[in-house]
Amino acid sequence: TLTEAIGAPRPSVSQHLAKLRLAGLVASRRDGRHV
């Protein structure tokens, strides 16, 4: 959903989300097969 919404490549979105999560700015949770 985020990839489509911001128009960035999926690997880039995943890497940026990882940085934001490690910094404590975003939270993540599992919902079935999705994070």
PDB file of all heavy atoms in Angstrom:
ATOM      1  N   THR A   1       0.836  -1.201   0.000  1.00  0.00           N
ATOM      2  CA  THR A   1       0.000   0.000   0.000  1.00  0.00           C
ATOM      3  C   THR A   1       0.870   1.250   0.000  1.00  0.00           C
ATOM      4  O   THR A   1       0.606   2.204  -0.752  1.00  0.00           O
ATOM      5  CB  THR A   1      -0.929   0.003   1.230  1.00  0.00           C
ATOM      6  OG1 THR A   1      -1.732  -1.183   1.198  1.00  0.00           O
ATOM      7  CG2 THR A   1      -1.812   1.226   1.253  1.00  0.00           C
ATOM      8  N   LEU A   2       1.911   1.251   0.816  1.00  0.00           N
ATOM      9  CA  LEU A   2       2.809   2.411   0.888  1.00  0.00           C
ATOM     10  C   LEU A   2       3.564   2.606  -0.417  1.00  0.00           C
ATOM     11  O   LEU A   2       3.739   3.738  -0.874  1.00  0.00           O
ATOM     12  CB  LEU A   2       3.775   2.252   2.066  1.00  0.00           C
ATOM     13  CG  LEU A   2       3.129   2.327   3.440  1.00  0.00           C
ATOM     14  CD1 LEU A   2       4.092   1.859   4.521  1.00  0.00           C
ATOM     15  CD2 LEU A   2       2.643   3.741   3.728  1.00  0.00           C
ATOM     16  N   THR A   3       4.001   1.507  -1.027  1.00  0.00           N
ATOM     17  CA  THR A   3       4.727   1.581  -2.294  1.00  0.00           C
ATOM     18  C   THR A   3       3.866   2.254  -3.355  1.00  0.00           C
ATOM     19  O   THR A   3       4.325   3.144  -4.070  1.00  0.00           O
ATOM     20  CB  THR A   3       5.149   0.164  -2.750  1.00  0.00           C
ATOM     21  OG1 THR A   3       6.032  -0.377  -1.775  1.00  0.00           O
ATOM     22  CG2 THR A   3       5.842   0.186  -4.092  1.00  0.00           C
ATOM     23  N   GLU A   4       2.631   1.823  -3.445  1.00  0.00           N
ATOM     24  CA  GLU A   4       1.711   2.393  -4.423  1.00  0.00           C
ATOM     25  C   GLU A   4       1.393   3.854  -4.105  1.00  0.00           C
ATOM     26  O   GLU A   4       1.357   4.707  -4.995  1.00  0.00           O
ATOM     27  CB  GLU A   4       0.420   1.577  -4.463  1.00  0.00           C
ATOM     28  CG  GLU A   4      -0.546   2.038  -5.518  1.00  0.00           C
ATOM     29  CD  GLU A   4      -1.804   1.185  -5.556  1.00  0.00           C
ATOM     30  OE1 GLU A   4      -1.705  -0.040  -5.344  1.00  0.00           O
ATOM     31  OE2 GLU A   4      -2.883   1.765  -5.811  1.00  0.00           O
ATOM     32  N   ALA A   5       1.177   4.151  -2.833  1.00  0.00           N
ATOM     33  CA  ALA A   5       0.770   5.499  -2.429  1.00  0.00           C
ATOM     34  C   ALA A   5       1.839   6.552  -2.686  1.00  0.00           C
ATOM     35  O   ALA A   5       1.521   7.671  -3.095  1.00  0.00           O
ATOM     36  CB  ALA A   5       0.379   5.510  -0.951  1.00  0.00           C
ATOM     37  N   ILE A   6       3.108   6.206  -2.451  1.00  0.00           N
ATOM     38  CA  ILE A   6       4.149   7.233  -2.606  1.00  0.00           C
ATOM     39  C   ILE A   6       4.914   7.103  -3.919  1.00  0.00           C
ATOM     40  O   ILE A   6       5.739   7.961  -4.239  1.00  0.00           O
ATOM     41  CB  ILE A   6       5.117   7.267  -1.412  1.00  0.00           C
ATOM     42  CG1 ILE A   6       6.022   6.038  -1.369  1.00  0.00           C
ATOM     43  CG2 ILE A   6       4.368   7.442  -0.109  1.00  0.00           C
ATOM     44  CD1 ILE A   6       7.183   6.185  -0.417  1.00  0.00           C
ATOM     45  N   GLY A   7       4.684   6.035  -4.663  1.00  0.00           N
ATOM     46  CA  GLY A   7       5.316   5.881  -5.972  1.00  0.00           C
ATOM     47  C   GLY A   7       6.808   5.604  -5.920  1.00  0.00           C
ATOM     48  O   GLY A   7       7.544   6.008  -6.809  1.00  0.00           O
ATOM     49  N   ALA A   8       7.248   4.920  -4.887  1.00  0.00           N
ATOM     50  CA  ALA A   8       8.665   4.574  -4.759  1.00  0.00           C
ATOM     51  C   ALA A   8       8.827   3.069  -4.953  1.00  0.00           C
ATOM     52  O   ALA A   8       7.889   2.305  -4.731  1.00  0.00           O
ATOM     53  CB  ALA A   8       9.189   4.982  -3.388  1.00  0.00           C
ATOM     54  N   PRO A   9      10.016   2.625  -5.370  1.00  0.00           N
ATOM     55  CA  PRO A   9      10.244   1.185  -5.529  1.00  0.00           C
ATOM     56  C   PRO A   9      10.110   0.443  -4.196  1.00  0.00           C
ATOM     57  O   PRO A   9      10.503   0.953  -3.136  1.00  0.00           O
ATOM     58  CB  PRO A   9      11.681   1.103  -6.046  1.00  0.00           C
ATOM     59  CG  PRO A   9      12.023   2.469  -6.508  1.00  0.00           C
ATOM     60  CD  PRO A   9      11.174   3.422  -5.736  1.00  0.00           C
ATOM     61  N   ARG A  10       9.578  -0.766  -4.254  1.00  0.00           N
ATOM     62  CA  ARG A  10       9.343  -1.564  -3.053  1.00  0.00           C
ATOM     63  C   ARG A  10      10.611  -1.761  -2.205  1.00  0.00           C
ATOM     64  O   ARG A  10      10.551  -1.616  -0.985  1.00  0.00           O
ATOM     65  CB  ARG A  10       8.730  -2.908  -3.444  1.00  0.00           C
ATOM     66  CG  ARG A  10       8.329  -3.742  -2.256  1.00  0.00           C
ATOM     67  CD  ARG A  10       7.742  -5.081  -2.699  1.00  0.00           C
ATOM     68  NE  ARG A  10       7.306  -5.839  -1.559  1.00  0.00           N
ATOM     69  CZ  ARG A  10       6.069  -5.889  -1.105  1.00  0.00           C
ATOM     70  NH1 ARG A  10       5.128  -5.215  -1.729  1.00  0.00           N
ATOM     71  NH2 ARG A  10       5.772  -6.605  -0.048  1.00  0.00           N
ATOM     72  N   PRO A  11      11.775  -2.093  -2.813  1.00  0.00           N
ATOM     73  CA  PRO A  11      12.974  -2.257  -1.978  1.00  0.00           C
ATOM     74  C   PRO A  11      13.341  -0.975  -1.220  1.00  0.00           C
ATOM     75  O   PRO A  11      13.750  -1.032  -0.062  1.00  0.00           O
ATOM     76  CB  PRO A  11      14.067  -2.641  -2.972  1.00  0.00           C
ATOM     77  CG  PRO A  11      13.341  -3.207  -4.146  1.00  0.00           C
ATOM     78  CD  PRO A  11      12.035  -2.446  -4.210  1.00  0.00           C
ATOM     79  N   SER A  12      13.152   0.154  -1.861  1.00  0.00           N
ATOM     80  CA  SER A  12      13.442   1.433  -1.214  1.00  0.00           C
ATOM     81  C   SER A  12      12.493   1.668  -0.047  1.00  0.00           C
ATOM     82  O   SER A  12      12.906   2.077   1.048  1.00  0.00           O
ATOM     83  CB  SER A  12      13.320   2.568  -2.236  1.00  0.00           C
ATOM     84  OG  SER A  12      13.489   3.815  -1.616  1.00  0.00           O
ATOM     85  N   VAL A  13      11.211   1.411  -0.262  1.00  0.00           N
ATOM     86  CA  VAL A  13      10.222   1.588   0.798  1.00  0.00           C
ATOM     87  C   VAL A  13      10.558   0.689   1.987  1.00  0.00           C
ATOM     88  O   VAL A  13      10.549   1.123   3.135  1.00  0.00           O
ATOM     89  CB  VAL A  13       8.795   1.307   0.263  1.00  0.00           C
ATOM     90  CG1 VAL A  13       7.786   1.202   1.407  1.00  0.00           C
ATOM     91  CG2 VAL A  13       8.372   2.401  -0.711  1.00  0.00           C
ATOM     92  N   SER A  14      10.887  -0.558   1.715  1.00  0.00           N
ATOM     93  CA  SER A  14      11.232  -1.498   2.787  1.00  0.00           C
ATOM     94  C   SER A  14      12.448  -1.033   3.574  1.00  0.00           C
ATOM     95  O   SER A  14      12.467  -1.112   4.810  1.00  0.00           O
ATOM     96  CB  SER A  14      11.489  -2.885   2.206  1.00  0.00           C
ATOM     97  OG  SER A  14      10.301  -3.424   1.682  1.00  0.00           O
ATOM     98  N   GLN A  15      13.466  -0.548   2.877  1.00  0.00           N
ATOM     99  CA  GLN A  15      14.681  -0.078   3.559  1.00  0.00           C
ATOM    100  C   GLN A  15      14.390   1.140   4.429  1.00  0.00           C
ATOM    101  O   GLN A  15      14.866   1.233   5.566  1.00  0.00           O
ATOM    102  CB  GLN A  15      15.771   0.248   2.543  1.00  0.00           C
ATOM    103  CG  GLN A  15      16.373  -0.976   1.899  1.00  0.00           C
ATOM    104  CD  GLN A  15      17.384  -0.624   0.825  1.00  0.00           C
ATOM    105  OE1 GLN A  15      17.475   0.516   0.376  1.00  0.00           O
ATOM    106  NE2 GLN A  15      18.145  -1.617   0.391  1.00  0.00           N
ATOM    107  N   HIS A  16      13.618   2.066   3.908  1.00  0.00           N
ATOM    108  CA  HIS A  16      13.293   3.272   4.685  1.00  0.00           C
ATOM    109  C   HIS A  16      12.413   2.932   5.888  1.00  0.00           C
ATOM    110  O   HIS A  16      12.597   3.495   6.968  1.00  0.00           O
ATOM    111  CB  HIS A  16      12.631   4.324   3.800  1.00  0.00           C
ATOM    112  CG  HIS A  16      13.588   4.997   2.872  1.00  0.00           C
ATOM    113  ND1 HIS A  16      14.597   5.829   3.313  1.00  0.00           N
ATOM    114  CD2 HIS A  16      13.704   4.955   1.529  1.00  0.00           C
ATOM    115  CE1 HIS A  16      15.289   6.283   2.274  1.00  0.00           C
ATOM    116  NE2 HIS A  16      14.766   5.757   1.180  1.00  0.00           N
ATOM    117  N   LEU A  17      11.474   2.017   5.708  1.00  0.00           N
ATOM    118  CA  LEU A  17      10.643   1.597   6.837  1.00  0.00           C
ATOM    119  C   LEU A  17      11.495   0.938   7.922  1.00  0.00           C
ATOM    120  O   LEU A  17      11.254   1.145   9.116  1.00  0.00           O
ATOM    121  CB  LEU A  17       9.542   0.642   6.376  1.00  0.00           C
ATOM    122  CG  LEU A  17       8.376   1.293   5.640  1.00  0.00           C
ATOM    123  CD1 LEU A  17       7.495   0.222   5.004  1.00  0.00           C
ATOM    124  CD2 LEU A  17       7.573   2.189   6.569  1.00  0.00           C
ATOM    125  N   ALA A  18      12.478   0.160   7.510  1.00  0.00           N
ATOM    126  CA  ALA A  18      13.367  -0.480   8.489  1.00  0.00           C
ATOM    127  C   ALA A  18      14.119   0.576   9.296  1.00  0.00           C
ATOM    128  O   ALA A  18      14.239   0.467  10.526  1.00  0.00           O
ATOM    129  CB  ALA A  18      14.341  -1.416   7.778  1.00  0.00           C
ATOM    130  N   LYS A  19      14.621   1.618   8.630  1.00  0.00           N
ATOM    131  CA  LYS A  19      15.320   2.698   9.344  1.00  0.00           C
ATOM    132  C   LYS A  19      14.385   3.399  10.322  1.00  0.00           C
ATOM    133  O   LYS A  19      14.760   3.697  11.460  1.00  0.00           O
ATOM    134  CB  LYS A  19      15.874   3.725   8.355  1.00  0.00           C
ATOM    135  CG  LYS A  19      17.090   3.256   7.608  1.00  0.00           C
ATOM    136  CD  LYS A  19      17.615   4.343   6.691  1.00  0.00           C
ATOM    137  CE  LYS A  19      18.815   3.830   5.915  1.00  0.00           C
ATOM    138  NZ  LYS A  19      19.384   4.854   5.048  1.00  0.00           N
ATOM    139  N   LEU A  20      13.166   3.680   9.865  1.00  0.00           N
ATOM    140  CA  LEU A  20      12.202   4.369  10.718  1.00  0.00           C
ATOM    141  C   LEU A  20      11.792   3.502  11.906  1.00  0.00           C
ATOM    142  O   LEU A  20      11.605   3.989  13.017  1.00  0.00           O
ATOM    143  CB  LEU A  20      10.971   4.775   9.899  1.00  0.00           C
ATOM    144  CG  LEU A  20      11.219   5.854   8.844  1.00  0.00           C
ATOM    145  CD1 LEU A  20      10.021   5.969   7.906  1.00  0.00           C
ATOM    146  CD2 LEU A  20      11.528   7.189   9.490  1.00  0.00           C
ATOM    147  N   ARG A  21      11.673   2.201  11.672  1.00  0.00           N
ATOM    148  CA  ARG A  21      11.312   1.284  12.756  1.00  0.00           C
ATOM    149  C   ARG A  21      12.444   1.180  13.771  1.00  0.00           C
ATOM    150  O   ARG A  21      12.216   1.244  14.983  1.00  0.00           O
ATOM    151  CB  ARG A  21      10.971  -0.097  12.192  1.00  0.00           C
ATOM    152  CG  ARG A  21      10.387  -1.046  13.222  1.00  0.00           C
ATOM    153  CD  ARG A  21       9.990  -2.378  12.616  1.00  0.00           C
ATOM    154  NE  ARG A  21      11.020  -2.992  11.801  1.00  0.00           N
ATOM    155  CZ  ARG A  21      12.097  -3.625  12.272  1.00  0.00           C
ATOM    156  NH1 ARG A  21      12.286  -3.729  13.567  1.00  0.00           N
ATOM    157  NH2 ARG A  21      12.978  -4.166  11.453  1.00  0.00           N
ATOM    158  N   LEU A  22      13.675   1.051  13.287  1.00  0.00           N
ATOM    159  CA  LEU A  22      14.827   0.972  14.191  1.00  0.00           C
ATOM    160  C   LEU A  22      14.994   2.242  15.013  1.00  0.00           C
ATOM    161  O   LEU A  22      15.453   2.199  16.152  1.00  0.00           O
ATOM    162  CB  LEU A  22      16.099   0.675  13.405  1.00  0.00           C
ATOM    163  CG  LEU A  22      16.216  -0.752  12.861  1.00  0.00           C
ATOM    164  CD1 LEU A  22      17.426  -0.888  11.946  1.00  0.00           C
ATOM    165  CD2 LEU A  22      16.297  -1.750  14.002  1.00  0.00           C
ATOM    166  N   ALA A  23      14.612   3.371  14.435  1.00  0.00           N
ATOM    167  CA  ALA A  23      14.699   4.643  15.154  1.00  0.00           C
ATOM    168  C   ALA A  23      13.531   4.835  16.119  1.00  0.00           C
ATOM    169  O   ALA A  23      13.505   5.805  16.873  1.00  0.00           O
ATOM    170  CB  ALA A  23      14.740   5.797  14.150  1.00  0.00           C
ATOM    171  N   GLY A  24      12.562   3.938  16.076  1.00  0.00           N
ATOM    172  CA  GLY A  24      11.418   4.036  16.974  1.00  0.00           C
ATOM    173  C   GLY A  24      10.347   5.004  16.523  1.00  0.00           C
ATOM    174  O   GLY A  24       9.489   5.400  17.309  1.00  0.00           O
ATOM    175  N   LEU A  25      10.382   5.395  15.247  1.00  0.00           N
ATOM    176  CA  LEU A  25       9.394   6.349  14.750  1.00  0.00           C
ATOM    177  C   LEU A  25       8.146   5.669  14.217  1.00  0.00           C
ATOM    178  O   LEU A  25       7.074   6.281  14.182  1.00  0.00           O
ATOM    179  CB  LEU A  25      10.007   7.248  13.671  1.00  0.00           C
ATOM    180  CG  LEU A  25      11.218   8.070  14.111  1.00  0.00           C
ATOM    181  CD1 LEU A  25      11.686   8.962  12.989  1.00  0.00           C
ATOM    182  CD2 LEU A  25      10.910   8.875  15.353  1.00  0.00           C
ATOM    183  N   VAL A  26       8.281   4.439  13.754  1.00  0.00           N
ATOM    184  CA  VAL A  26       7.117   3.674  13.314  1.00  0.00           C
ATOM    185  C   VAL A  26       7.079   2.348  14.061  1.00  0.00           C
ATOM    186  O   VAL A  26       8.114   1.825  14.490  1.00  0.00           O
ATOM    187  CB  VAL A  26       7.092   3.421  11.780  1.00  0.00           C
ATOM    188  CG1 VAL A  26       7.044   4.721  11.000  1.00  0.00           C
ATOM    189  CG2 VAL A  26       8.246   2.575  11.330  1.00  0.00           C
ATOM    190  N   ALA A  27       5.884   1.846  14.226  1.00  0.00           N
ATOM    191  CA  ALA A  27       5.673   0.540  14.848  1.00  0.00           C
ATOM    192  C   ALA A  27       5.223  -0.423  13.760  1.00  0.00           C
ATOM    193  O   ALA A  27       4.694  -0.005  12.721  1.00  0.00           O
ATOM    194  CB  ALA A  27       4.611   0.654  15.932  1.00  0.00           C
ATOM    195  N   SER A  28       5.449  -1.700  13.990  1.00  0.00           N
ATOM    196  CA  SER A  28       4.997  -2.702  13.026  1.00  0.00           C
ATOM    197  C   SER A  28       4.322  -3.846  13.770  1.00  0.00           C
ATOM    198  O   SER A  28       4.615  -4.102  14.940  1.00  0.00           O
ATOM    199  CB  SER A  28       6.171  -3.224  12.199  1.00  0.00           C
ATOM    200  OG  SER A  28       7.113  -3.874  13.017  1.00  0.00           O
ATOM    201  N   ARG A  29       3.415  -4.498  13.069  1.00  0.00           N
ATOM    202  CA  ARG A  29       2.741  -5.672  13.618  1.00  0.00           C
ATOM    203  C   ARG A  29       2.385  -6.589  12.457  1.00  0.00           C
ATOM    204  O   ARG A  29       2.207  -6.146  11.332  1.00  0.00           O
ATOM    205  CB  ARG A  29       1.490  -5.291  14.418  1.00  0.00           C
ATOM    206  CG  ARG A  29       0.390  -4.682  13.567  1.00  0.00           C
ATOM    207  CD  ARG A  29      -0.900  -4.460  14.362  1.00  0.00           C
ATOM    208  NE  ARG A  29      -1.903  -3.840  13.526  1.00  0.00           N
ATOM    209  CZ  ARG A  29      -2.690  -4.474  12.667  1.00  0.00           C
ATOM    210  NH1 ARG A  29      -2.589  -5.773  12.509  1.00  0.00           N
ATOM    211  NH2 ARG A  29      -3.586  -3.814  11.964  1.00  0.00           N
ATOM    212  N   ARG A  30       2.299  -7.862  12.759  1.00  0.00           N
ATOM    213  CA  ARG A  30       1.911  -8.852  11.756  1.00  0.00           C
ATOM    214  C   ARG A  30       0.400  -8.912  11.648  1.00  0.00           C
ATOM    215  O   ARG A  30      -0.311  -8.886  12.649  1.00  0.00           O
ATOM    216  CB  ARG A  30       2.438 -10.225  12.127  1.00  0.00           C
ATOM    217  CG  ARG A  30       3.890 -10.384  11.807  1.00  0.00           C
ATOM    218  CD  ARG A  30       4.096 -11.758  11.162  1.00  0.00           C
ATOM    219  NE  ARG A  30       5.408 -11.849  10.576  1.00  0.00           N
ATOM    220  CZ  ARG A  30       5.674 -11.595   9.300  1.00  0.00           C
ATOM    221  NH1 ARG A  30       4.734 -11.208   8.499  1.00  0.00           N
ATOM    222  NH2 ARG A  30       6.892 -11.719   8.835  1.00  0.00           N
ATOM    223  N   ASP A  31      -0.076  -8.993  10.412  1.00  0.00           N
ATOM    224  CA  ASP A  31      -1.497  -9.190  10.138  1.00  0.00           C
ATOM    225  C   ASP A  31      -1.571 -10.283   9.079  1.00  0.00           C
ATOM    226  O   ASP A  31      -1.513  -9.998   7.882  1.00  0.00           O
ATOM    227  CB  ASP A  31      -2.136  -7.898   9.649  1.00  0.00           C
ATOM    228  CG  ASP A  31      -3.638  -8.025   9.449  1.00  0.00           C
ATOM    229  OD1 ASP A  31      -4.238  -8.969  10.002  1.00  0.00           O
ATOM    230  OD2 ASP A  31      -4.207  -7.178   8.729  1.00  0.00           O
ATOM    231  N   GLY A  32      -1.618 -11.526   9.540  1.00  0.00           N
ATOM    232  CA  GLY A  32      -1.554 -12.654   8.610  1.00  0.00           C
ATOM    233  C   GLY A  32      -0.171 -12.727   8.007  1.00  0.00           C
ATOM    234  O   GLY A  32       0.826 -12.794   8.719  1.00  0.00           O
ATOM    235  N   ARG A  33      -0.105 -12.657   6.686  1.00  0.00           N
ATOM    236  CA  ARG A  33       1.184 -12.705   5.988  1.00  0.00           C
ATOM    237  C   ARG A  33       1.793 -11.326   5.766  1.00  0.00           C
ATOM    238  O   ARG A  33       2.882 -11.203   5.216  1.00  0.00           O
ATOM    239  CB  ARG A  33       1.004 -13.412   4.647  1.00  0.00           C
ATOM    240  CG  ARG A  33       0.636 -14.881   4.814  1.00  0.00           C
ATOM    241  CD  ARG A  33       0.420 -15.567   3.508  1.00  0.00           C
ATOM    242  NE  ARG A  33       1.501 -15.294   2.575  1.00  0.00           N
ATOM    243  CZ  ARG A  33       1.495 -15.675   1.304  1.00  0.00           C
ATOM    244  NH1 ARG A  33       0.469 -16.334   0.825  1.00  0.00           N
ATOM    245  NH2 ARG A  33       2.509 -15.389   0.515  1.00  0.00           N
ATOM    246  N   HIS A  34       1.096 -10.291   6.169  1.00  0.00           N
ATOM    247  CA  HIS A  34       1.555  -8.921   5.943  1.00  0.00           C
ATOM    248  C   HIS A  34       2.094  -8.310   7.230  1.00  0.00           C
ATOM    249  O   HIS A  34       1.656  -8.643   8.321  1.00  0.00           O
ATOM    250  CB  HIS A  34       0.407  -8.042   5.433  1.00  0.00           C
ATOM    251  CG  HIS A  34      -0.167  -8.498   4.137  1.00  0.00           C
ATOM    252  ND1 HIS A  34       0.390  -8.186   2.931  1.00  0.00           N
ATOM    253  CD2 HIS A  34      -1.254  -9.263   3.862  1.00  0.00           C
ATOM    254  CE1 HIS A  34      -0.315  -8.731   1.961  1.00  0.00           C
ATOM    255  NE2 HIS A  34      -1.334  -9.401   2.500  1.00  0.00           N
ATOM    256  N   VAL A  35       3.027  -7.383   7.053  1.00  0.00           N
ATOM    257  CA  VAL A  35       3.484  -6.551   8.159  1.00  0.00           C
ATOM    258  C   VAL A  35       2.850  -5.187   7.951  1.00  0.00           C
ATOM    259  O   VAL A  35       2.967  -4.593   6.875  1.00  0.00           O
ATOM    260  CB  VAL A  35       5.026  -6.432   8.198  1.00  0.00           C
ATOM    261  CG1 VAL A  35       5.459  -5.488   9.307  1.00  0.00           C
ATOM    262  CG2 VAL A  35       5.657  -7.801   8.372  1.00  0.00           C
TER     263      VAL A  35
END
